[in-house]
Amino acid sequence: MNITGPVQLDEGLWWVGDGSRHYKLNCNPYLYIDGSSSVLFDPGSVLDIHEVMENVRKIIPIYELDAVVASHQDPDLCSGIPLLEQNGFSGV
């Protein structure tokens, strides 16, 4: 699959991953927006985070993220969080 850019799945729900790169471990980050609240789920690794941030920025600025949720602590799902913080995410 060669998908670039965010994909709207439903009202307020976006897949913000990168389908153009092929790693052994792919992340599936989702951005959920409900009114003025926004949550990024499983942002991915340091290998993925730049594309994820670019896709999120096409929808909202990084500093408008209210929360980041990682389903578990493995680096493939959450090692990119410090880079999100360096780029404006302040967290809840």
PDB file of N, CA and C in Angstrom:
ATOM      1  N   MET A   1       0.847  -1.173   0.000  1.00  0.00           N
ATOM      2  CA  MET A   1       0.000   0.000   0.000  1.00  0.00           C
ATOM      3  C   MET A   1       0.890   1.233   0.000  1.00  0.00           C
ATOM      4  N   ASN A   2       0.620   2.161  -0.866  1.00  0.00           N
ATOM      5  CA  ASN A   2       1.430   3.364  -0.978  1.00  0.00           C
ATOM      6  C   ASN A   2       0.561   4.585  -0.724  1.00  0.00           C
ATOM      7  N   ILE A   3       0.191   4.784   0.531  1.00  0.00           N
ATOM      8  CA  ILE A   3      -0.654   5.908   0.924  1.00  0.00           C
ATOM      9  C   ILE A   3       0.223   6.964   1.570  1.00  0.00           C
ATOM     10  N   THR A   4       0.126   8.168   1.087  1.00  0.00           N
ATOM     11  CA  THR A   4       0.814   9.280   1.724  1.00  0.00           C
ATOM     12  C   THR A   4      -0.231  10.294   2.136  1.00  0.00           C
ATOM     13  N   GLY A   5      -0.007  10.926   3.257  1.00  0.00           N
ATOM     14  CA  GLY A   5      -0.954  11.911   3.757  1.00  0.00           C
ATOM     15  C   GLY A   5      -2.001  11.277   4.646  1.00  0.00           C
ATOM     16  N   PRO A   6      -2.699  12.114   5.403  1.00  0.00           N
ATOM     17  CA  PRO A   6      -3.732  11.605   6.303  1.00  0.00           C
ATOM     18  C   PRO A   6      -4.930  11.058   5.527  1.00  0.00           C
ATOM     19  N   VAL A   7      -5.583  10.072   6.123  1.00  0.00           N
ATOM     20  CA  VAL A   7      -6.772   9.471   5.517  1.00  0.00           C
ATOM     21  C   VAL A   7      -7.915   9.613   6.514  1.00  0.00           C
ATOM     22  N   GLN A   8      -8.975  10.319   6.109  1.00  0.00           N
ATOM     23  CA  GLN A   8     -10.120  10.463   6.989  1.00  0.00           C
ATOM     24  C   GLN A   8     -10.948   9.187   6.926  1.00  0.00           C
ATOM     25  N   LEU A   9     -11.139   8.570   8.094  1.00  0.00           N
ATOM     26  CA  LEU A   9     -11.879   7.316   8.185  1.00  0.00           C
ATOM     27  C   LEU A   9     -13.334   7.529   8.565  1.00  0.00           C
ATOM     28  N   ASP A  10     -13.579   8.572   9.335  1.00  0.00           N
ATOM     29  CA  ASP A  10     -14.919   8.894   9.800  1.00  0.00           C
ATOM     30  C   ASP A  10     -14.861  10.340  10.274  1.00  0.00           C
ATOM     31  N   GLU A  11     -15.986  10.881  10.651  1.00  0.00           N
ATOM     32  CA  GLU A  11     -15.996  12.244  11.159  1.00  0.00           C
ATOM     33  C   GLU A  11     -15.113  12.332  12.403  1.00  0.00           C
ATOM     34  N   GLY A  12     -14.072  13.152  12.320  1.00  0.00           N
ATOM     35  CA  GLY A  12     -13.171  13.355  13.447  1.00  0.00           C
ATOM     36  C   GLY A  12     -12.098  12.298  13.623  1.00  0.00           C
ATOM     37  N   LEU A  13     -12.063  11.276  12.770  1.00  0.00           N
ATOM     38  CA  LEU A  13     -11.087  10.196  12.910  1.00  0.00           C
ATOM     39  C   LEU A  13     -10.216  10.100  11.669  1.00  0.00           C
ATOM     40  N   TRP A  14      -8.905  10.185  11.885  1.00  0.00           N
ATOM     41  CA  TRP A  14      -7.931  10.174  10.789  1.00  0.00           C
ATOM     42  C   TRP A  14      -6.851   9.137  11.050  1.00  0.00           C
ATOM     43  N   TRP A  15      -6.445   8.428  10.007  1.00  0.00           N
ATOM     44  CA  TRP A  15      -5.228   7.632  10.061  1.00  0.00           C
ATOM     45  C   TRP A  15      -4.118   8.559   9.594  1.00  0.00           C
ATOM     46  N   VAL A  16      -3.077   8.705  10.396  1.00  0.00           N
ATOM     47  CA  VAL A  16      -2.023   9.674  10.083  1.00  0.00           C
ATOM     48  C   VAL A  16      -0.665   8.987   9.928  1.00  0.00           C
ATOM     49  N   GLY A  17      -0.678   7.726   9.533  1.00  0.00           N
ATOM     50  CA  GLY A  17       0.564   6.979   9.335  1.00  0.00           C
ATOM     51  C   GLY A  17       1.172   7.249   7.975  1.00  0.00           C
ATOM     52  N   ASP A  18       2.156   6.437   7.646  1.00  0.00           N
ATOM     53  CA  ASP A  18       2.855   6.577   6.373  1.00  0.00           C
ATOM     54  C   ASP A  18       2.840   5.229   5.669  1.00  0.00           C
ATOM     55  N   GLY A  19       2.044   5.110   4.648  1.00  0.00           N
ATOM     56  CA  GLY A  19       1.934   3.859   3.909  1.00  0.00           C
ATOM     57  C   GLY A  19       2.929   3.731   2.785  1.00  0.00           C
ATOM     58  N   SER A  20       3.807   4.719   2.617  1.00  0.00           N
ATOM     59  CA  SER A  20       4.752   4.660   1.511  1.00  0.00           C
ATOM     60  C   SER A  20       6.070   3.996   1.890  1.00  0.00           C
ATOM     61  N   ARG A  21       6.301   3.808   3.197  1.00  0.00           N
ATOM     62  CA  ARG A  21       7.548   3.193   3.654  1.00  0.00           C
ATOM     63  C   ARG A  21       7.234   1.808   4.186  1.00  0.00           C
ATOM     64  N   HIS A  22       8.180   0.917   4.062  1.00  0.00           N
ATOM     65  CA  HIS A  22       7.932  -0.459   4.476  1.00  0.00           C
ATOM     66  C   HIS A  22       8.985  -0.898   5.483  1.00  0.00           C
ATOM     67  N   TYR A  23       8.581  -0.927   6.722  1.00  0.00           N
ATOM     68  CA  TYR A  23       9.423  -1.427   7.801  1.00  0.00           C
ATOM     69  C   TYR A  23       8.863  -2.761   8.260  1.00  0.00           C
ATOM     70  N   LYS A  24       9.679  -3.510   8.981  1.00  0.00           N
ATOM     71  CA  LYS A  24       9.173  -4.764   9.537  1.00  0.00           C
ATOM     72  C   LYS A  24       8.082  -4.488  10.559  1.00  0.00           C
ATOM     73  N   LEU A  25       8.212  -3.388  11.294  1.00  0.00           N
ATOM     74  CA  LEU A  25       7.195  -2.993  12.270  1.00  0.00           C
ATOM     75  C   LEU A  25       6.589  -1.670  11.830  1.00  0.00           C
ATOM     76  N   ASN A  26       5.349  -1.680  11.434  1.00  0.00           N
ATOM     77  CA  ASN A  26       4.665  -0.455  11.031  1.00  0.00           C
ATOM     78  C   ASN A  26       3.757   0.021  12.150  1.00  0.00           C
ATOM     79  N   CYS A  27       3.705   1.320  12.325  1.00  0.00           N
ATOM     80  CA  CYS A  27       2.787   1.865  13.308  1.00  0.00           C
ATOM     81  C   CYS A  27       1.484   2.230  12.610  1.00  0.00           C
ATOM     82  N   ASN A  28       0.424   2.281  13.360  1.00  0.00           N
ATOM     83  CA  ASN A  28      -0.886   2.695  12.857  1.00  0.00           C
ATOM     84  C   ASN A  28      -1.395   3.808  13.747  1.00  0.00           C
ATOM     85  N   PRO A  29      -0.880   5.018  13.549  1.00  0.00           N
ATOM     86  CA  PRO A  29      -1.307   6.135  14.384  1.00  0.00           C
ATOM     87  C   PRO A  29      -2.644   6.699  13.904  1.00  0.00           C
ATOM     88  N   TYR A  30      -3.460   7.059  14.875  1.00  0.00           N
ATOM     89  CA  TYR A  30      -4.763   7.648  14.585  1.00  0.00           C
ATOM     90  C   TYR A  30      -4.906   8.960  15.330  1.00  0.00           C
ATOM     91  N   LEU A  31      -5.510   9.922  14.680  1.00  0.00           N
ATOM     92  CA  LEU A  31      -5.821  11.207  15.293  1.00  0.00           C
ATOM     93  C   LEU A  31      -7.330  11.299  15.421  1.00  0.00           C
ATOM     94  N   TYR A  32      -7.787  11.547  16.644  1.00  0.00           N
ATOM     95  CA  TYR A  32      -9.219  11.703  16.891  1.00  0.00           C
ATOM     96  C   TYR A  32      -9.467  13.122  17.368  1.00  0.00           C
ATOM     97  N   ILE A  33     -10.401  13.788  16.718  1.00  0.00           N
ATOM     98  CA  ILE A  33     -10.758  15.163  17.067  1.00  0.00           C
ATOM     99  C   ILE A  33     -12.244  15.208  17.366  1.00  0.00           C
ATOM    100  N   ASP A  34     -12.566  15.748  18.537  1.00  0.00           N
ATOM    101  CA  ASP A  34     -13.954  15.910  18.941  1.00  0.00           C
ATOM    102  C   ASP A  34     -14.107  17.342  19.437  1.00  0.00           C
ATOM    103  N   GLY A  35     -14.682  18.165  18.612  1.00  0.00           N
ATOM    104  CA  GLY A  35     -14.790  19.587  18.958  1.00  0.00           C
ATOM    105  C   GLY A  35     -13.413  20.206  19.043  1.00  0.00           C
ATOM    106  N   SER A  36     -13.082  20.719  20.218  1.00  0.00           N
ATOM    107  CA  SER A  36     -11.770  21.346  20.392  1.00  0.00           C
ATOM    108  C   SER A  36     -10.761  20.406  21.048  1.00  0.00           C
ATOM    109  N   SER A  37     -11.123  19.148  21.248  1.00  0.00           N
ATOM    110  CA  SER A  37     -10.215  18.174  21.857  1.00  0.00           C
ATOM    111  C   SER A  37      -9.620  17.269  20.782  1.00  0.00           C
ATOM    112  N   SER A  38      -8.331  16.944  20.954  1.00  0.00           N
ATOM    113  CA  SER A  38      -7.675  16.066  19.990  1.00  0.00           C
ATOM    114  C   SER A  38      -6.726  15.114  20.708  1.00  0.00           C
ATOM    115  N   VAL A  39      -6.714  13.871  20.240  1.00  0.00           N
ATOM    116  CA  VAL A  39      -5.879  12.822  20.826  1.00  0.00           C
ATOM    117  C   VAL A  39      -5.190  12.075  19.696  1.00  0.00           C
ATOM    118  N   LEU A  40      -3.889  11.846  19.869  1.00  0.00           N
ATOM    119  CA  LEU A  40      -3.113  11.053  18.928  1.00  0.00           C
ATOM    120  C   LEU A  40      -2.848   9.692  19.572  1.00  0.00           C
ATOM    121  N   PHE A  41      -3.259   8.630  18.893  1.00  0.00           N
ATOM    122  CA  PHE A  41      -3.089   7.272  19.404  1.00  0.00           C
ATOM    123  C   PHE A  41      -1.915   6.587  18.713  1.00  0.00           C
ATOM    124  N   ASP A  42      -1.047   5.984  19.506  1.00  0.00           N
ATOM    125  CA  ASP A  42       0.099   5.207  19.022  1.00  0.00           C
ATOM    126  C   ASP A  42       0.894   5.955  17.948  1.00  0.00           C
ATOM    127  N   PRO A  43       1.602   7.017  18.351  1.00  0.00           N
ATOM    128  CA  PRO A  43       2.283   7.876  17.381  1.00  0.00           C
ATOM    129  C   PRO A  43       3.425   7.209  16.626  1.00  0.00           C
ATOM    130  N   GLY A  44       3.990   6.148  17.165  1.00  0.00           N
ATOM    131  CA  GLY A  44       5.017   5.427  16.429  1.00  0.00           C
ATOM    132  C   GLY A  44       6.427   5.666  16.921  1.00  0.00           C
ATOM    133  N   SER A  45       7.348   5.116  16.165  1.00  0.00           N
ATOM    134  CA  SER A  45       8.760   5.146  16.542  1.00  0.00           C
ATOM    135  C   SER A  45       9.453   6.379  15.983  1.00  0.00           C
ATOM    136  N   VAL A  46      10.725   6.503  16.323  1.00  0.00           N
ATOM    137  CA  VAL A  46      11.520   7.599  15.770  1.00  0.00           C
ATOM    138  C   VAL A  46      11.659   7.450  14.262  1.00  0.00           C
ATOM    139  N   LEU A  47      11.465   6.250  13.730  1.00  0.00           N
ATOM    140  CA  LEU A  47      11.507   6.042  12.276  1.00  0.00           C
ATOM    141  C   LEU A  47      10.257   6.588  11.587  1.00  0.00           C
ATOM    142  N   ASP A  48       9.144   6.620  12.301  1.00  0.00           N
ATOM    143  CA  ASP A  48       7.856   7.017  11.728  1.00  0.00           C
ATOM    144  C   ASP A  48       7.418   8.439  12.079  1.00  0.00           C
ATOM    145  N   ILE A  49       7.921   8.971  13.171  1.00  0.00           N
ATOM    146  CA  ILE A  49       7.311  10.154  13.778  1.00  0.00           C
ATOM    147  C   ILE A  49       7.340  11.389  12.878  1.00  0.00           C
ATOM    148  N   HIS A  50       8.345  11.541  12.042  1.00  0.00           N
ATOM    149  CA  HIS A  50       8.392  12.737  11.190  1.00  0.00           C
ATOM    150  C   HIS A  50       7.234  12.739  10.185  1.00  0.00           C
ATOM    151  N   GLU A  51       6.927  11.580   9.612  1.00  0.00           N
ATOM    152  CA  GLU A  51       5.795  11.483   8.690  1.00  0.00           C
ATOM    153  C   GLU A  51       4.481  11.633   9.436  1.00  0.00           C
ATOM    154  N   VAL A  52       4.410  11.056  10.634  1.00  0.00           N
ATOM    155  CA  VAL A  52       3.200  11.189  11.443  1.00  0.00           C
ATOM    156  C   VAL A  52       2.958  12.660  11.782  1.00  0.00           C
ATOM    157  N   MET A  53       4.007  13.364  12.225  1.00  0.00           N
ATOM    158  CA  MET A  53       3.851  14.784  12.551  1.00  0.00           C
ATOM    159  C   MET A  53       3.441  15.592  11.327  1.00  0.00           C
ATOM    160  N   GLU A  54       4.017  15.281  10.178  1.00  0.00           N
ATOM    161  CA  GLU A  54       3.648  15.994   8.954  1.00  0.00           C
ATOM    162  C   GLU A  54       2.167  15.787   8.637  1.00  0.00           C
ATOM    163  N   ASN A  55       1.675  14.563   8.809  1.00  0.00           N
ATOM    164  CA  ASN A  55       0.263  14.283   8.547  1.00  0.00           C
ATOM    165  C   ASN A  55      -0.645  14.949   9.575  1.00  0.00           C
ATOM    166  N   VAL A  56      -0.242  14.945  10.837  1.00  0.00           N
ATOM    167  CA  VAL A  56      -1.036  15.634  11.864  1.00  0.00           C
ATOM    168  C   VAL A  56      -1.095  17.119  11.547  1.00  0.00           C
ATOM    169  N   ARG A  57       0.033  17.711  11.177  1.00  0.00           N
ATOM    170  CA  ARG A  57       0.081  19.152  10.865  1.00  0.00           C
ATOM    171  C   ARG A  57      -0.815  19.534   9.681  1.00  0.00           C
ATOM    172  N   LYS A  58      -1.133  18.591   8.831  1.00  0.00           N
ATOM    173  CA  LYS A  58      -2.055  18.867   7.725  1.00  0.00           C
ATOM    174  C   LYS A  58      -3.485  19.036   8.233  1.00  0.00           C
ATOM    175  N   ILE A  59      -3.720  18.614   9.485  1.00  0.00           N
ATOM    176  CA  ILE A  59      -5.056  18.680  10.079  1.00  0.00           C
ATOM    177  C   ILE A  59      -5.102  19.721  11.197  1.00  0.00           C
ATOM    178  N   ILE A  60      -4.152  19.629  12.137  1.00  0.00           N
ATOM    179  CA  ILE A  60      -4.060  20.585  13.252  1.00  0.00           C
ATOM    180  C   ILE A  60      -2.591  20.817  13.594  1.00  0.00           C
ATOM    181  N   PRO A  61      -2.265  21.935  14.226  1.00  0.00           N
ATOM    182  CA  PRO A  61      -0.894  22.131  14.700  1.00  0.00           C
ATOM    183  C   PRO A  61      -0.575  21.156  15.839  1.00  0.00           C
ATOM    184  N   ILE A  62       0.670  20.736  15.939  1.00  0.00           N
ATOM    185  CA  ILE A  62       1.089  19.799  16.983  1.00  0.00           C
ATOM    186  C   ILE A  62       0.756  20.335  18.375  1.00  0.00           C
ATOM    187  N   TYR A  63       0.915  21.638  18.590  1.00  0.00           N
ATOM    188  CA  TYR A  63       0.662  22.203  19.919  1.00  0.00           C
ATOM    189  C   TYR A  63      -0.810  22.126  20.324  1.00  0.00           C
ATOM    190  N   GLU A  64      -1.708  21.845  19.386  1.00  0.00           N
ATOM    191  CA  GLU A  64      -3.127  21.710  19.725  1.00  0.00           C
ATOM    192  C   GLU A  64      -3.497  20.301  20.171  1.00  0.00           C
ATOM    193  N   LEU A  65      -2.556  19.353  20.105  1.00  0.00           N
ATOM    194  CA  LEU A  65      -2.839  18.014  20.626  1.00  0.00           C
ATOM    195  C   LEU A  65      -3.051  18.099  22.130  1.00  0.00           C
ATOM    196  N   ASP A  66      -4.140  17.527  22.603  1.00  0.00           N
ATOM    197  CA  ASP A  66      -4.423  17.509  24.036  1.00  0.00           C
ATOM    198  C   ASP A  66      -3.764  16.338  24.734  1.00  0.00           C
ATOM    199  N   ALA A  67      -3.633  15.218  24.025  1.00  0.00           N
ATOM    200  CA  ALA A  67      -3.079  14.020  24.656  1.00  0.00           C
ATOM    201  C   ALA A  67      -2.518  13.088  23.600  1.00  0.00           C
ATOM    202  N   VAL A  68      -1.596  12.248  24.044  1.00  0.00           N
ATOM    203  CA  VAL A  68      -1.066  11.152  23.239  1.00  0.00           C
ATOM    204  C   VAL A  68      -1.291   9.882  24.042  1.00  0.00           C
ATOM    205  N   VAL A  69      -1.860   8.878  23.399  1.00  0.00           N
ATOM    206  CA  VAL A  69      -2.122   7.596  24.051  1.00  0.00           C
ATOM    207  C   VAL A  69      -1.270   6.532  23.356  1.00  0.00           C
ATOM    208  N   ALA A  70      -0.496   5.802  24.146  1.00  0.00           N
ATOM    209  CA  ALA A  70       0.273   4.677  23.620  1.00  0.00           C
ATOM    210  C   ALA A  70      -0.316   3.404  24.204  1.00  0.00           C
ATOM    211  N   SER A  71      -0.676   2.476  23.351  1.00  0.00           N
ATOM    212  CA  SER A  71      -1.338   1.259  23.835  1.00  0.00           C
ATOM    213  C   SER A  71      -0.394   0.365  24.632  1.00  0.00           C
ATOM    214  N   HIS A  72       0.903   0.510  24.420  1.00  0.00           N
ATOM    215  CA  HIS A  72       1.900  -0.154  25.263  1.00  0.00           C
ATOM    216  C   HIS A  72       3.232   0.552  25.074  1.00  0.00           C
ATOM    217  N   GLN A  73       4.227   0.178  25.854  1.00  0.00           N
ATOM    218  CA  GLN A  73       5.470   0.931  25.927  1.00  0.00           C
ATOM    219  C   GLN A  73       6.530   0.509  24.915  1.00  0.00           C
ATOM    220  N   ASP A  74       6.246  -0.402  24.015  1.00  0.00           N
ATOM    221  CA  ASP A  74       7.248  -0.818  23.047  1.00  0.00           C
ATOM    222  C   ASP A  74       7.678   0.360  22.175  1.00  0.00           C
ATOM    223  N   PRO A  75       8.963   0.424  21.853  1.00  0.00           N
ATOM    224  CA  PRO A  75       9.476   1.555  21.074  1.00  0.00           C
ATOM    225  C   PRO A  75       8.803   1.752  19.720  1.00  0.00           C
ATOM    226  N   ASP A  76       8.276   0.690  19.115  1.00  0.00           N
ATOM    227  CA  ASP A  76       7.623   0.842  17.817  1.00  0.00           C
ATOM    228  C   ASP A  76       6.353   1.679  17.899  1.00  0.00           C
ATOM    229  N   LEU A  77       5.788   1.833  19.094  1.00  0.00           N
ATOM    230  CA  LEU A  77       4.569   2.629  19.251  1.00  0.00           C
ATOM    231  C   LEU A  77       4.785   3.957  19.947  1.00  0.00           C
ATOM    232  N   CYS A  78       5.868   4.109  20.707  1.00  0.00           N
ATOM    233  CA  CYS A  78       5.942   5.328  21.513  1.00  0.00           C
ATOM    234  C   CYS A  78       7.304   6.020  21.557  1.00  0.00           C
ATOM    235  N   SER A  79       8.320   5.513  20.903  1.00  0.00           N
ATOM    236  CA  SER A  79       9.626   6.170  21.003  1.00  0.00           C
ATOM    237  C   SER A  79       9.655   7.532  20.323  1.00  0.00           C
ATOM    238  N   GLY A  80       8.662   7.848  19.516  1.00  0.00           N
ATOM    239  CA  GLY A  80       8.592   9.157  18.871  1.00  0.00           C
ATOM    240  C   GLY A  80       8.011  10.254  19.751  1.00  0.00           C
ATOM    241  N   ILE A  81       7.473   9.909  20.919  1.00  0.00           N
ATOM    242  CA  ILE A  81       6.826  10.906  21.782  1.00  0.00           C
ATOM    243  C   ILE A  81       7.776  12.051  22.162  1.00  0.00           C
ATOM    244  N   PRO A  82       9.040  11.804  22.526  1.00  0.00           N
ATOM    245  CA  PRO A  82       9.934  12.933  22.829  1.00  0.00           C
ATOM    246  C   PRO A  82      10.102  13.900  21.648  1.00  0.00           C
ATOM    247  N   LEU A  83      10.066  13.392  20.434  1.00  0.00           N
ATOM    248  CA  LEU A  83      10.151  14.272  19.273  1.00  0.00           C
ATOM    249  C   LEU A  83       8.875  15.095  19.110  1.00  0.00           C
ATOM    250  N   LEU A  84       7.736  14.526  19.462  1.00  0.00           N
ATOM    251  CA  LEU A  84       6.494  15.310  19.476  1.00  0.00           C
ATOM    252  C   LEU A  84       6.624  16.459  20.464  1.00  0.00           C
ATOM    253  N   GLU A  85       7.197  16.167  21.645  1.00  0.00           N
ATOM    254  CA  GLU A  85       7.379  17.205  22.649  1.00  0.00           C
ATOM    255  C   GLU A  85       8.339  18.285  22.178  1.00  0.00           C
ATOM    256  N   GLN A  86       9.368  17.904  21.474  1.00  0.00           N
ATOM    257  CA  GLN A  86      10.311  18.884  20.932  1.00  0.00           C
ATOM    258  C   GLN A  86       9.691  19.749  19.843  1.00  0.00           C
ATOM    259  N   ASN A  87       8.588  19.280  19.288  1.00  0.00           N
ATOM    260  CA  ASN A  87       7.926  20.013  18.203  1.00  0.00           C
ATOM    261  C   ASN A  87       6.613  20.662  18.606  1.00  0.00           C
ATOM    262  N   GLY A  88       6.398  20.840  19.918  1.00  0.00           N
ATOM    263  CA  GLY A  88       5.257  21.621  20.357  1.00  0.00           C
ATOM    264  C   GLY A  88       4.213  20.924  21.199  1.00  0.00           C
ATOM    265  N   PHE A  89       4.242  19.580  21.278  1.00  0.00           N
ATOM    266  CA  PHE A  89       3.267  18.884  22.107  1.00  0.00           C
ATOM    267  C   PHE A  89       3.645  19.058  23.573  1.00  0.00           C
ATOM    268  N   SER A  90       2.700  19.574  24.364  1.00  0.00           N
ATOM    269  CA  SER A  90       3.014  19.782  25.781  1.00  0.00           C
ATOM    270  C   SER A  90       2.362  18.744  26.667  1.00  0.00           C
ATOM    271  N   GLY A  91       1.378  18.024  26.161  1.00  0.00           N
ATOM    272  CA  GLY A  91       0.769  16.941  26.914  1.00  0.00           C
ATOM    273  C   GLY A  91      -0.198  17.373  27.993  1.00  0.00           C
ATOM    274  N   VAL A  92      -0.883  16.389  28.479  1.00  0.00           N
ATOM    275  CA  VAL A  92      -1.865  16.601  29.548  1.00  0.00           C
ATOM    276  C   VAL A  92      -1.392  15.867  30.774  1.00  0.00           C
TER     277      VAL A  92
END
